[in-house]
């Protein structure tokens, strides 16, 4: 994991709630702490479907990764990785193609402490982990972890799942996405899932306030606002839809739109 600090030297800031650890709690994980559980409990009190939304987002990651691997994508850059929860993206990708290469990135120092779970690659493939923030795309793309693991001259599958609603400024969020889009070659893909207020406006407003009180700004966006991230790229079927409706397993939709309150899509660079 060159280029990162040793876990023991990192300030994990366990006294502050972090969105990655709250997400881990929603998924039933154990890598969360009192501040995270308190904030997550407050979020679930006003948005009672938080666990459903987290599960459906995770399921979208699995399905989209499988779909892209089936199209021949064998390089993945996953930003906003979160705390490892098996199967992780590399497990899904390498199940389809053992040669797949994956770079994970997150800004929560506790993910670094658990990153060994993200580095268990097949012998034929490779995985790497970089502690970095999506707000610094230039650093991510120039990092040794990315440059030594991925060939940026070949198509890359970029994942920004359940991440961009934590970039509250619209212009900044668009600028970040456009930076990555410009840097990746033709044939690359972009997968995004993103919270929206459209299906449960009162509940999503209240959960946004809970996150703000815990120190995390959240910007839920409507469908048009999310669609802008894909401008110039070709959406794969079925387009930009509620997360659980993106190619559901066996065609079965297991949750209502309000329970998920998110859109998702995958697009390809012409």
Foldseek 3Di string as FASTA:
>chain_A
DPPDDDLVVDDQPLVFADPLQLLCVLCVHDPHHDNSVVLNVQLCVLQVLSSVQSVLLVVLLLVVLLVVVVVVAQAEEEEQQGADDPPGSQVSNCVSPLAHEYEYEYQRSVSVVRCVVVAPGRPNYGYYYDYDHLLCLVCVCPDPRNVVHDDQVDAYEYEQEQHLQQVADLVSSLVSLVVVVVSHDFFHKYKYKFAACVQPVRSVVSSQVSCVVSPTHGHHDDPVSVVSSQPQWAWDPPGKDQSQCGPHVVNDRDDDSSSNRMIITMTGHD
